[in-house]
Amino acid sequence: MEESTMRRQQSTSDEPRKKVTGSQKSILKTSDSEPKTEKWLLANHDDQAHISTVSANMTLADLHHDGDYRLLIGDLGLFQTKTSAKLKVYHGTFLQSENLLVDLPCGVVVVHNDKPELTASVIVASSSYLYVYRNMKPFYKFSLPPLETNSIELNAWTQYKEGKIDLITLEETLQNLSLEIGPRQLTSRTLMLLNTSTSEMKNSMAEHYKNQELRKLNVVTCMALLKKTVAETNAPSCLIIGTESQNVYILEVEAFTMLSTATLASIPVFIQASGLFDVEYRILFACRDAHIYLIKRGYDSGRLCIQLNSQPVGLARIGTNIYVAAMDQTLSIYTNKGNRTWNMKQSANITTMEEITLERQALNLVAVALTNKTVVFYNDRKCVDTLYLDDVVVAMKYGRFGREDNTLVMVTANGSLIVKILKRTAQFQLSIEQSYDLDRTVGSSLSIGNNSTAKLVIPKKTKLFVDQTMREREQYLTIHKTFEQELVRLKLSAYKTYAKAFKSNLNPISLKRFDSIKLSAKVIGLGPVFQIQLELQNNNADNNDFLTDLLMVFDYDSNIYRLALNVIRISCLLPNLIYRYNNQVTCINQLNVSDSIKIYISHVKEEIPLLTVIINMPRSEQQFEQ
């Protein structure tokens, strides 16, 4: 039985709903018309939606915490007679509401808070601002910190404002500055003046803006979310912002405070985040220079992770695999270390890419939209399904829509809105013959099953392989001697390290025959005050071998820690008994750094300790103000 809860259309907004005009194919009619082999049901096809957007401007979210997910689209408005960007909200097949946007959007996300009584917040990134909506009404506008203006540029505009120089001198100064530092370092006002063709328009523009403050805006290029504490669907998140100035900001979405900042070597266009901000996270940035950079906790700049052959058009992360779609019609898989494990040439140019998560089947797919009006689905490196459409898909979003979990929303180049729902009986598994044929095509082997085997595809012998084989045959004695020498050197290095540790007594258990004692340590507390619990034991087999006149000495950095006892005297240590000692440690450093504390056990009259224990102290929690 094929069902879809898209049939339910509930009214949860105060604004009246607008019925979308145009040809729509209802889900009630698709079950009979679609072929039985089709994995997707057509829920809605509105060819009069006139939507122009990208995948970053689409999201599916539970706005009212009622389990009924809406579709939010940042429409660029290119199909309108007067270009006007809008934020549109779809409830099922109906256009529920729309809000005018001041500028073109570059990202739309929905964030949830830890207060159930409050609705979710919709954040739209546009130009250098973040517009926050609650109940689909404007709530707050956040401005990114402006960039520092070049002093020569600022001085030129100031002199023009005061009448010290004319427009021609101003233009020459700015033109020379542009050639010297590059146009990306200039403000938008200067670039507008330099790109204006006629002198009348230049004079009018300069007179209009000369009395306004010269500012260099920090323009947003991409935006994504990172879970803050727990990895749940509606858990609080942090906002990741990539800018035209190659900066990265991580913001707290309640008060819009800056949590972390970093810089990249190029301008980011795609973001893929994983992990938790309060624990550990990894953020990948695909940039315009065809490189992918990585930022982790503690990084103040992006580390180069992957070098591409062409500019990226899509970025996805599934497990330990990184999927990258590029402009050279290739779909590639990379490891976390940046090694490419697979690469496939597509039949046409790639327009967008989307991750497909099937929780019931424990399966993760990647949907790739091509300019030949198809959407191809990959499971790892295997093509498991293909959608054939009437137009090129330019934007996709997969997730829960309405009350249906597996929904794929697509926007085509002619502005149509297509909604498809995955059948509950759909299986993305290839047959044995299909898998074997595919593996032979890509040049790899595949185990088909327990009762049958596949012939391994053995690669041809290269000249390098033949030369290496001949070398091993002719110089086998030299190769064997070299191996024996390296093995002896390895053993010698291991013996030297062991002897050094034995001589310096860097061991929690004494190795001397007549002084077999053991010391264990445990740190208790969160700081800045810690408690070190020590257990000392004499392991001598003879009950008459007791130890006397021992010292327990603590070695530490006095700039970081203060100890209650620096030396503990041990008068007698009887065999097979555990002696417990406590020592209080206070972290006095204001920079919240940690260090190690060494504990030596030695005789009073001997300089070399019997044993040594090194305690790596944890970081101290910040002390609460009284």
Foldseek 3Di string as FASTA:
>chain_A
DFDDPLVDFDDDAPDDWDQQDADWDAQVPFVVVDDPQDQWGFHIKHLRQQFDAAAQQWDWDDFLPPLFIKIWGFGQQPSPPDGWTKIWIDRRNITGDIDTDPARFQHWDWAFEPDNVFTIWIWTAGFQWIFIDGSNHTDDIDGDDFDDADPQLQVLLLCVLVVNDDLVVSLVSLVVVCVVPNPLRHAPLNVVLNPDDDPVVNVVSSVVPSPPDGTHGWTWQHKDWAAADDPDDRHGIWIWTFTQQQKIFTARPPVRDTDAIAGEPAGFRDWDKDDHNVPKIWIWTQGQQQWIWIDIPPHRYTHTAEHGPAGWQEWDDDDQWIWTAGQQQKIWIAGRNHHTDDIDHHPAGWQYKEWFQDVVVRFIWMWTWGQVQKIFIDGPNDTQDMDHDDAGWNYWDFADHGNAGTKIWTAGPSGMIIIMGGTPPDDRDDALVRVQVVCVVRQAADARDDPDGDDGRDDDDDPVNVVVVVCCVVCVVVVVVVVVVVVVVVVVVVVVVVVVCLQLQADQFFPDDLFTKGKDWDWDDQDLKIKIKMKIAGADPDQVSKDAQKKKAKDDDPQFKDKPDRIDTDGIHTHPDIDMDMIMIGTPDPVQDWDKMKIFIDHPPDDRGRHMDIGGDDGHDDDDDD
